[in-house]
Every structure is written in structure tokens, then in C-alpha cells.
Amino acid sequence: MNRIIIKMERLDLKDVLDFFILTTNDFPDFNDDHFLESRAKKISNLADFITCRTLSGNLIGMIAFYMNRPPLCYITHVSLLGGYKGQGLFKEMYDFLERKVSLNGYTLMKLEVLKSNISAINSYCNCGFKIIDNDSSERFFMVKEI
């Protein structure tokens, strides 16, 4: 496995937008430039990030999350560059996130995922998330008590 650094940090709009552009193939909504830019702006202004970087500092993965409604931590975005998938990096980032939010007294994590994104659903289930059907034809909510 490549040597990497996982940490909690703030990302600015440029960092988020640049990374979103690199991962547009994973997110159909990102093909709309207006949506991409407004989502990057919202996340860079309001979210905290667990990042995964190479030793040289290149951003290769992120989890964007909100801790503004205790005891709920809401994961709003997860992405990893294609060449780094399947190496256990998402699990490492998630475990780091869970430790951080738990230390801050948060006891519930929630996210939303496309029903068609089977690999993401499996990854979340492997981390202990449970599916809650929200009557949407396209998405599931998933939750985990920590």
C-alpha cells in the first residue's frame, strides 16, 4: 500500500473544487457545472474534512462532514481518486473520523447514498452503517450509532 497521511483539516474552495473535478466520474450530478460549483462552495464553507494525502501532499481522498447538530454527525461527501480505491483507504479515513467525532461527544452518524452505488453501500455496511429506506427511488439513508 502507498504510504499516506490521514488528518482532519479545513479545505478551501479551490481545493474542494479541484478535487471534485478529479472525481466527476463518480458523481453524476457533478456534470452540471453550476451544481458542482455551488456544492463545492457550500462544503468548503461549512464542512470539516478528513483528508487522505500522499507523503508529497497530494490530496487523494476526503470525507466532508458536519458536526452542527449534536449528537448527529452528518457525512455529506466521500470521494477517493480511482487509482487508490480498493486499498482500504476509505476505512482508514472513516475510522479516523469516527474517533474524532466520538471524542467530541457525537453518538450518531448519518449519510445518504445512491441506491445504485453498490460499492459505496458495501463500504458503509462494512463500517457498521445500517440502511434506512427513506422512500426515495434513488437514495438510501444510512445510520450508525457510535
N, C-alpha and C. Protein backbone atom coordinates (compact mmCIF):
# COMPACT_ATOMS: atom_id res chain seq x y z
N MET A 1 0.84 -1.18 0.00
CA MET A 1 0.00 0.00 0.00
C MET A 1 0.88 1.24 0.00
N ASN A 2 0.41 2.26 -0.66
CA ASN A 2 1.14 3.53 -0.66
C ASN A 2 1.13 4.13 0.73
N ARG A 3 2.19 4.80 1.08
CA ARG A 3 2.23 5.50 2.36
C ARG A 3 1.40 6.77 2.22
N ILE A 4 0.57 7.00 3.21
CA ILE A 4 -0.36 8.13 3.16
C ILE A 4 -0.44 8.81 4.52
N ILE A 5 -1.05 10.00 4.51
CA ILE A 5 -1.28 10.77 5.74
C ILE A 5 -2.78 11.04 5.81
N ILE A 6 -3.39 10.67 6.92
CA ILE A 6 -4.80 10.95 7.15
C ILE A 6 -4.88 11.94 8.31
N LYS A 7 -5.65 13.02 8.08
CA LYS A 7 -5.78 14.02 9.14
C LYS A 7 -7.08 14.78 8.97
N MET A 8 -7.43 15.52 10.01
CA MET A 8 -8.57 16.43 9.96
C MET A 8 -8.02 17.80 9.61
N GLU A 9 -8.63 18.43 8.61
CA GLU A 9 -8.16 19.76 8.21
C GLU A 9 -9.29 20.52 7.52
N ARG A 10 -9.10 21.81 7.37
CA ARG A 10 -10.02 22.64 6.59
C ARG A 10 -9.51 22.66 5.16
N LEU A 11 -10.42 22.68 4.22
CA LEU A 11 -10.07 22.83 2.82
C LEU A 11 -10.75 24.07 2.28
N ASP A 12 -10.04 24.80 1.43
CA ASP A 12 -10.65 26.00 0.84
C ASP A 12 -11.41 25.61 -0.43
N LEU A 13 -12.12 26.59 -0.98
CA LEU A 13 -12.95 26.36 -2.15
C LEU A 13 -12.15 25.78 -3.31
N LYS A 14 -10.97 26.30 -3.56
CA LYS A 14 -10.16 25.82 -4.67
C LYS A 14 -9.79 24.35 -4.51
N ASP A 15 -9.37 23.96 -3.30
CA ASP A 15 -9.03 22.56 -3.04
C ASP A 15 -10.23 21.64 -3.28
N VAL A 16 -11.39 22.03 -2.75
CA VAL A 16 -12.59 21.20 -2.88
C VAL A 16 -13.01 21.13 -4.35
N LEU A 17 -13.07 22.26 -5.02
CA LEU A 17 -13.49 22.27 -6.42
C LEU A 17 -12.52 21.47 -7.29
N ASP A 18 -11.23 21.65 -7.09
CA ASP A 18 -10.25 20.88 -7.87
C ASP A 18 -10.42 19.37 -7.66
N PHE A 19 -10.66 18.98 -6.40
CA PHE A 19 -10.83 17.55 -6.13
C PHE A 19 -12.14 17.03 -6.71
N PHE A 20 -13.20 17.83 -6.61
CA PHE A 20 -14.48 17.44 -7.22
C PHE A 20 -14.31 17.21 -8.72
N ILE A 21 -13.57 18.08 -9.38
CA ILE A 21 -13.36 17.93 -10.83
C ILE A 21 -12.63 16.62 -11.13
N LEU A 22 -11.68 16.25 -10.29
CA LEU A 22 -10.95 14.99 -10.48
C LEU A 22 -11.84 13.75 -10.28
N THR A 23 -12.93 13.91 -9.55
CA THR A 23 -13.79 12.76 -9.24
C THR A 23 -15.18 12.87 -9.87
N THR A 24 -15.34 13.67 -10.90
CA THR A 24 -16.66 13.86 -11.51
C THR A 24 -17.26 12.56 -12.04
N ASN A 25 -16.44 11.62 -12.46
CA ASN A 25 -16.98 10.37 -12.98
C ASN A 25 -17.74 9.58 -11.93
N ASP A 26 -17.42 9.79 -10.66
CA ASP A 26 -18.09 9.07 -9.57
C ASP A 26 -19.41 9.71 -9.15
N PHE A 27 -19.67 10.93 -9.59
CA PHE A 27 -20.84 11.68 -9.15
C PHE A 27 -21.57 12.27 -10.35
N PRO A 28 -22.65 11.63 -10.79
CA PRO A 28 -23.38 12.11 -11.98
C PRO A 28 -23.82 13.57 -11.89
N ASP A 29 -24.18 14.04 -10.68
CA ASP A 29 -24.62 15.42 -10.51
C ASP A 29 -23.51 16.42 -10.84
N PHE A 30 -22.25 15.99 -10.74
CA PHE A 30 -21.13 16.88 -10.95
C PHE A 30 -20.94 17.25 -12.41
N ASN A 31 -21.67 16.64 -13.32
CA ASN A 31 -21.59 17.01 -14.73
C ASN A 31 -22.23 18.36 -14.99
N ASP A 32 -23.02 18.83 -14.05
CA ASP A 32 -23.63 20.16 -14.13
C ASP A 32 -22.69 21.14 -13.41
N ASP A 33 -22.05 22.02 -14.18
CA ASP A 33 -21.05 22.93 -13.62
C ASP A 33 -21.59 23.79 -12.49
N HIS A 34 -22.84 24.26 -12.62
CA HIS A 34 -23.43 25.10 -11.58
C HIS A 34 -23.58 24.31 -10.29
N PHE A 35 -24.08 23.07 -10.39
CA PHE A 35 -24.23 22.23 -9.21
C PHE A 35 -22.87 21.97 -8.56
N LEU A 36 -21.90 21.62 -9.38
CA LEU A 36 -20.55 21.33 -8.90
C LEU A 36 -19.98 22.51 -8.11
N GLU A 37 -20.07 23.69 -8.67
CA GLU A 37 -19.52 24.88 -8.02
C GLU A 37 -20.28 25.24 -6.74
N SER A 38 -21.62 25.18 -6.77
CA SER A 38 -22.39 25.55 -5.58
C SER A 38 -22.17 24.52 -4.46
N ARG A 39 -22.06 23.25 -4.81
CA ARG A 39 -21.80 22.22 -3.79
C ARG A 39 -20.39 22.41 -3.19
N ALA A 40 -19.41 22.67 -4.03
CA ALA A 40 -18.04 22.89 -3.54
C ALA A 40 -18.01 24.10 -2.62
N LYS A 41 -18.72 25.14 -2.97
CA LYS A 41 -18.74 26.36 -2.14
C LYS A 41 -19.38 26.09 -0.78
N LYS A 42 -20.53 25.40 -0.80
CA LYS A 42 -21.22 25.09 0.46
C LYS A 42 -20.33 24.23 1.36
N ILE A 43 -19.76 23.17 0.80
CA ILE A 43 -18.96 22.26 1.60
C ILE A 43 -17.70 22.94 2.12
N SER A 44 -17.03 23.72 1.29
CA SER A 44 -15.80 24.37 1.76
C SER A 44 -16.09 25.39 2.85
N ASN A 45 -17.27 26.00 2.83
CA ASN A 45 -17.63 26.99 3.85
C ASN A 45 -18.10 26.38 5.16
N LEU A 46 -18.78 25.22 5.09
CA LEU A 46 -19.48 24.72 6.26
C LEU A 46 -18.99 23.39 6.82
N ALA A 47 -18.31 22.60 6.01
CA ALA A 47 -17.94 21.25 6.44
C ALA A 47 -16.54 21.22 7.04
N ASP A 48 -16.30 20.17 7.79
CA ASP A 48 -14.96 19.78 8.22
C ASP A 48 -14.56 18.61 7.34
N PHE A 49 -13.27 18.32 7.31
CA PHE A 49 -12.78 17.29 6.40
C PHE A 49 -11.80 16.35 7.08
N ILE A 50 -11.95 15.08 6.76
CA ILE A 50 -10.89 14.11 6.99
C ILE A 50 -10.28 13.91 5.61
N THR A 51 -8.99 14.14 5.50
CA THR A 51 -8.34 14.03 4.20
C THR A 51 -7.33 12.89 4.21
N CYS A 52 -7.05 12.42 3.03
CA CYS A 52 -6.04 11.40 2.80
C CYS A 52 -5.10 11.98 1.75
N ARG A 53 -3.84 12.08 2.10
CA ARG A 53 -2.85 12.68 1.21
C ARG A 53 -1.65 11.75 1.06
N THR A 54 -0.99 11.88 -0.08
CA THR A 54 0.27 11.18 -0.27
C THR A 54 1.32 11.87 0.60
N LEU A 55 2.45 11.24 0.77
CA LEU A 55 3.52 11.85 1.56
C LEU A 55 3.98 13.17 0.95
N SER A 56 3.82 13.32 -0.38
CA SER A 56 4.20 14.57 -1.02
C SER A 56 3.11 15.64 -0.91
N GLY A 57 1.97 15.31 -0.25
CA GLY A 57 0.93 16.30 0.00
C GLY A 57 -0.23 16.30 -0.98
N ASN A 58 -0.23 15.43 -1.97
CA ASN A 58 -1.33 15.40 -2.94
C ASN A 58 -2.59 14.83 -2.30
N LEU A 59 -3.69 15.54 -2.45
CA LEU A 59 -4.98 15.09 -1.93
C LEU A 59 -5.48 13.93 -2.78
N ILE A 60 -5.75 12.78 -2.13
CA ILE A 60 -6.24 11.62 -2.86
C ILE A 60 -7.59 11.14 -2.35
N GLY A 61 -8.04 11.66 -1.20
CA GLY A 61 -9.33 11.26 -0.68
C GLY A 61 -9.84 12.25 0.35
N MET A 62 -11.17 12.28 0.51
CA MET A 62 -11.77 13.17 1.50
C MET A 62 -13.09 12.63 2.00
N ILE A 63 -13.36 12.93 3.24
CA ILE A 63 -14.69 12.78 3.81
C ILE A 63 -15.06 14.16 4.33
N ALA A 64 -16.14 14.73 3.80
CA ALA A 64 -16.65 16.02 4.27
C ALA A 64 -17.84 15.73 5.20
N PHE A 65 -17.87 16.40 6.34
CA PHE A 65 -18.91 16.10 7.32
C PHE A 65 -19.27 17.36 8.10
N TYR A 66 -20.48 17.31 8.68
CA TYR A 66 -20.98 18.40 9.50
C TYR A 66 -21.17 17.91 10.93
N MET A 67 -20.71 18.69 11.89
CA MET A 67 -20.93 18.41 13.31
C MET A 67 -21.69 19.58 13.93
N ASN A 68 -22.80 19.96 13.32
CA ASN A 68 -23.51 21.14 13.80
C ASN A 68 -24.85 20.81 14.46
N ARG A 69 -25.16 19.52 14.60
CA ARG A 69 -26.40 19.12 15.25
C ARG A 69 -26.15 17.96 16.21
N PRO A 70 -25.48 18.22 17.32
CA PRO A 70 -25.19 17.14 18.26
C PRO A 70 -26.48 16.39 18.63
N PRO A 71 -26.45 15.11 18.79
CA PRO A 71 -25.31 14.20 18.74
C PRO A 71 -25.04 13.63 17.34
N LEU A 72 -25.62 14.26 16.29
CA LEU A 72 -25.52 13.73 14.93
C LEU A 72 -24.35 14.33 14.16
N CYS A 73 -23.53 13.47 13.60
CA CYS A 73 -22.50 13.86 12.63
C CYS A 73 -23.02 13.40 11.27
N TYR A 74 -23.15 14.34 10.35
CA TYR A 74 -23.69 14.02 9.03
C TYR A 74 -22.55 14.04 8.00
N ILE A 75 -22.34 12.89 7.36
CA ILE A 75 -21.33 12.79 6.30
C ILE A 75 -21.99 13.23 5.00
N THR A 76 -21.46 14.30 4.41
CA THR A 76 -22.08 14.86 3.23
C THR A 76 -21.37 14.51 1.93
N HIS A 77 -20.10 14.09 2.01
CA HIS A 77 -19.38 13.74 0.78
C HIS A 77 -18.21 12.83 1.11
N VAL A 78 -18.06 11.80 0.29
CA VAL A 78 -16.93 10.88 0.39
C VAL A 78 -16.40 10.65 -1.01
N SER A 79 -15.10 10.82 -1.20
CA SER A 79 -14.51 10.50 -2.51
C SER A 79 -13.05 10.12 -2.35
N LEU A 80 -12.63 9.30 -3.28
CA LEU A 80 -11.27 8.79 -3.32
C LEU A 80 -10.88 8.68 -4.78
N LEU A 81 -9.69 9.14 -5.12
CA LEU A 81 -9.24 9.03 -6.51
C LEU A 81 -9.22 7.56 -6.93
N GLY A 82 -9.59 7.32 -8.18
CA GLY A 82 -9.73 5.97 -8.71
C GLY A 82 -8.55 5.06 -8.48
N GLY A 83 -7.35 5.54 -8.67
CA GLY A 83 -6.17 4.72 -8.53
C GLY A 83 -5.88 4.28 -7.11
N TYR A 84 -6.62 4.82 -6.14
CA TYR A 84 -6.40 4.50 -4.73
C TYR A 84 -7.55 3.68 -4.13
N LYS A 85 -8.56 3.39 -4.93
CA LYS A 85 -9.69 2.59 -4.42
C LYS A 85 -9.26 1.14 -4.24
N GLY A 86 -9.93 0.47 -3.32
CA GLY A 86 -9.65 -0.95 -3.09
C GLY A 86 -8.43 -1.22 -2.24
N GLN A 87 -7.88 -0.18 -1.60
CA GLN A 87 -6.68 -0.35 -0.78
C GLN A 87 -6.95 -0.17 0.72
N GLY A 88 -8.23 -0.04 1.07
CA GLY A 88 -8.58 0.14 2.47
C GLY A 88 -8.48 1.57 2.97
N LEU A 89 -8.27 2.52 2.07
CA LEU A 89 -8.09 3.92 2.50
C LEU A 89 -9.38 4.54 3.01
N PHE A 90 -10.52 4.19 2.39
CA PHE A 90 -11.78 4.72 2.91
C PHE A 90 -11.96 4.28 4.36
N LYS A 91 -11.73 3.03 4.65
CA LYS A 91 -11.89 2.51 6.01
C LYS A 91 -10.96 3.23 6.99
N GLU A 92 -9.73 3.50 6.56
CA GLU A 92 -8.80 4.24 7.42
C GLU A 92 -9.31 5.65 7.68
N MET A 93 -9.82 6.33 6.63
CA MET A 93 -10.35 7.68 6.81
C MET A 93 -11.57 7.64 7.72
N TYR A 94 -12.46 6.66 7.47
CA TYR A 94 -13.67 6.57 8.28
C TYR A 94 -13.34 6.31 9.76
N ASP A 95 -12.43 5.37 10.02
CA ASP A 95 -12.05 5.07 11.41
C ASP A 95 -11.49 6.31 12.10
N PHE A 96 -10.69 7.10 11.38
CA PHE A 96 -10.14 8.35 11.91
C PHE A 96 -11.29 9.31 12.25
N LEU A 97 -12.25 9.44 11.33
CA LEU A 97 -13.41 10.31 11.54
C LEU A 97 -14.20 9.86 12.77
N GLU A 98 -14.47 8.58 12.87
CA GLU A 98 -15.27 8.08 13.99
C GLU A 98 -14.59 8.38 15.33
N ARG A 99 -13.28 8.20 15.40
CA ARG A 99 -12.56 8.53 16.64
C ARG A 99 -12.70 10.01 16.96
N LYS A 100 -12.55 10.88 15.96
CA LYS A 100 -12.63 12.34 16.20
C LYS A 100 -14.00 12.75 16.69
N VAL A 101 -15.06 12.30 16.02
CA VAL A 101 -16.40 12.74 16.41
C VAL A 101 -16.81 12.13 17.75
N SER A 102 -16.38 10.91 18.01
CA SER A 102 -16.68 10.27 19.29
C SER A 102 -16.05 11.05 20.44
N LEU A 103 -14.82 11.51 20.25
CA LEU A 103 -14.14 12.30 21.27
C LEU A 103 -14.87 13.62 21.55
N ASN A 104 -15.64 14.09 20.56
CA ASN A 104 -16.41 15.33 20.72
C ASN A 104 -17.83 15.07 21.20
N GLY A 105 -18.13 13.83 21.60
CA GLY A 105 -19.43 13.52 22.19
C GLY A 105 -20.52 13.15 21.21
N TYR A 106 -20.19 12.98 19.97
CA TYR A 106 -21.20 12.61 18.97
C TYR A 106 -21.43 11.11 19.04
N THR A 107 -22.70 10.70 18.93
CA THR A 107 -23.05 9.29 19.09
C THR A 107 -23.78 8.70 17.90
N LEU A 108 -24.04 9.50 16.89
CA LEU A 108 -24.79 9.01 15.72
C LEU A 108 -24.18 9.61 14.45
N MET A 109 -24.01 8.75 13.45
CA MET A 109 -23.53 9.21 12.14
C MET A 109 -24.58 8.85 11.11
N LYS A 110 -24.74 9.73 10.12
CA LYS A 110 -25.75 9.53 9.09
C LYS A 110 -25.18 9.98 7.76
N LEU A 111 -25.62 9.33 6.68
CA LEU A 111 -25.23 9.72 5.34
C LEU A 111 -26.32 9.31 4.37
N GLU A 112 -26.19 9.77 3.15
CA GLU A 112 -27.12 9.44 2.08
C GLU A 112 -26.31 8.89 0.92
N VAL A 113 -26.82 7.85 0.27
CA VAL A 113 -26.08 7.20 -0.80
C VAL A 113 -27.04 6.77 -1.91
N LEU A 114 -26.57 6.87 -3.14
CA LEU A 114 -27.37 6.40 -4.27
C LEU A 114 -27.57 4.89 -4.15
N LYS A 115 -28.78 4.44 -4.39
CA LYS A 115 -29.07 3.01 -4.33
C LYS A 115 -28.26 2.23 -5.35
N SER A 116 -27.88 2.88 -6.44
CA SER A 116 -27.12 2.22 -7.50
C SER A 116 -25.63 2.11 -7.17
N ASN A 117 -25.17 2.77 -6.11
CA ASN A 117 -23.75 2.78 -5.76
C ASN A 117 -23.45 1.62 -4.80
N ILE A 118 -23.46 0.44 -5.35
CA ILE A 118 -23.32 -0.78 -4.54
C ILE A 118 -21.98 -0.83 -3.80
N SER A 119 -20.89 -0.39 -4.45
CA SER A 119 -19.59 -0.45 -3.78
C SER A 119 -19.56 0.47 -2.56
N ALA A 120 -20.17 1.66 -2.66
CA ALA A 120 -20.22 2.56 -1.51
C ALA A 120 -21.10 1.97 -0.41
N ILE A 121 -22.24 1.43 -0.78
CA ILE A 121 -23.13 0.82 0.21
C ILE A 121 -22.39 -0.29 0.96
N ASN A 122 -21.68 -1.13 0.22
CA ASN A 122 -20.92 -2.21 0.86
C ASN A 122 -19.85 -1.66 1.79
N SER A 123 -19.15 -0.60 1.37
CA SER A 123 -18.14 0.01 2.23
C SER A 123 -18.75 0.55 3.51
N TYR A 124 -19.89 1.23 3.39
CA TYR A 124 -20.54 1.77 4.58
C TYR A 124 -21.03 0.65 5.50
N CYS A 125 -21.60 -0.41 4.92
CA CYS A 125 -22.04 -1.55 5.73
C CYS A 125 -20.86 -2.18 6.45
N ASN A 126 -19.71 -2.27 5.79
CA ASN A 126 -18.51 -2.82 6.42
C ASN A 126 -18.03 -1.97 7.59
N CYS A 127 -18.42 -0.71 7.60
CA CYS A 127 -18.06 0.19 8.71
C CYS A 127 -19.14 0.20 9.79
N GLY A 128 -20.21 -0.58 9.60
CA GLY A 128 -21.24 -0.69 10.62
C GLY A 128 -22.50 0.12 10.37
N PHE A 129 -22.62 0.77 9.23
CA PHE A 129 -23.83 1.53 8.91
C PHE A 129 -24.96 0.58 8.55
N LYS A 130 -26.17 1.00 8.86
CA LYS A 130 -27.39 0.26 8.52
C LYS A 130 -28.23 1.10 7.58
N ILE A 131 -28.87 0.45 6.62
CA ILE A 131 -29.72 1.14 5.65
C ILE A 131 -31.07 1.47 6.29
N ILE A 132 -31.48 2.70 6.07
CA ILE A 132 -32.83 3.14 6.43
C ILE A 132 -33.47 3.59 5.12
N ASP A 133 -34.49 2.91 4.69
CA ASP A 133 -35.14 3.28 3.43
C ASP A 133 -35.94 4.55 3.66
N ASN A 134 -35.65 5.58 2.87
CA ASN A 134 -36.33 6.86 3.05
C ASN A 134 -37.40 7.10 1.99
N ASP A 135 -37.90 6.05 1.39
CA ASP A 135 -38.95 6.12 0.37
C ASP A 135 -38.52 6.86 -0.89
N SER A 136 -37.25 7.08 -1.06
CA SER A 136 -36.74 7.68 -2.29
C SER A 136 -36.47 6.56 -3.28
N SER A 137 -36.73 6.84 -4.54
CA SER A 137 -36.47 5.82 -5.56
C SER A 137 -34.98 5.77 -5.91
N GLU A 138 -34.22 6.79 -5.52
CA GLU A 138 -32.82 6.87 -5.93
C GLU A 138 -31.81 6.72 -4.79
N ARG A 139 -32.19 7.02 -3.55
CA ARG A 139 -31.21 7.10 -2.47
C ARG A 139 -31.67 6.37 -1.21
N PHE A 140 -30.68 5.93 -0.45
CA PHE A 140 -30.88 5.40 0.90
C PHE A 140 -30.28 6.37 1.88
N PHE A 141 -30.86 6.43 3.08
CA PHE A 141 -30.16 6.98 4.23
C PHE A 141 -29.51 5.79 4.92
N MET A 142 -28.34 6.02 5.50
CA MET A 142 -27.67 5.01 6.29
C MET A 142 -27.25 5.65 7.60
N VAL A 143 -27.36 4.91 8.70
CA VAL A 143 -27.01 5.43 10.01
C VAL A 143 -26.14 4.44 10.77
N LYS A 144 -25.39 4.99 11.72
CA LYS A 144 -24.59 4.17 12.62
C LYS A 144 -24.52 4.84 13.97
N GLU A 145 -24.81 4.07 15.01
CA GLU A 145 -24.61 4.55 16.38
C GLU A 145 -23.16 4.26 16.76
N ILE A 146 -22.52 5.26 17.39
CA ILE A 146 -21.14 5.05 17.82
C ILE A 146 -21.01 5.25 19.31
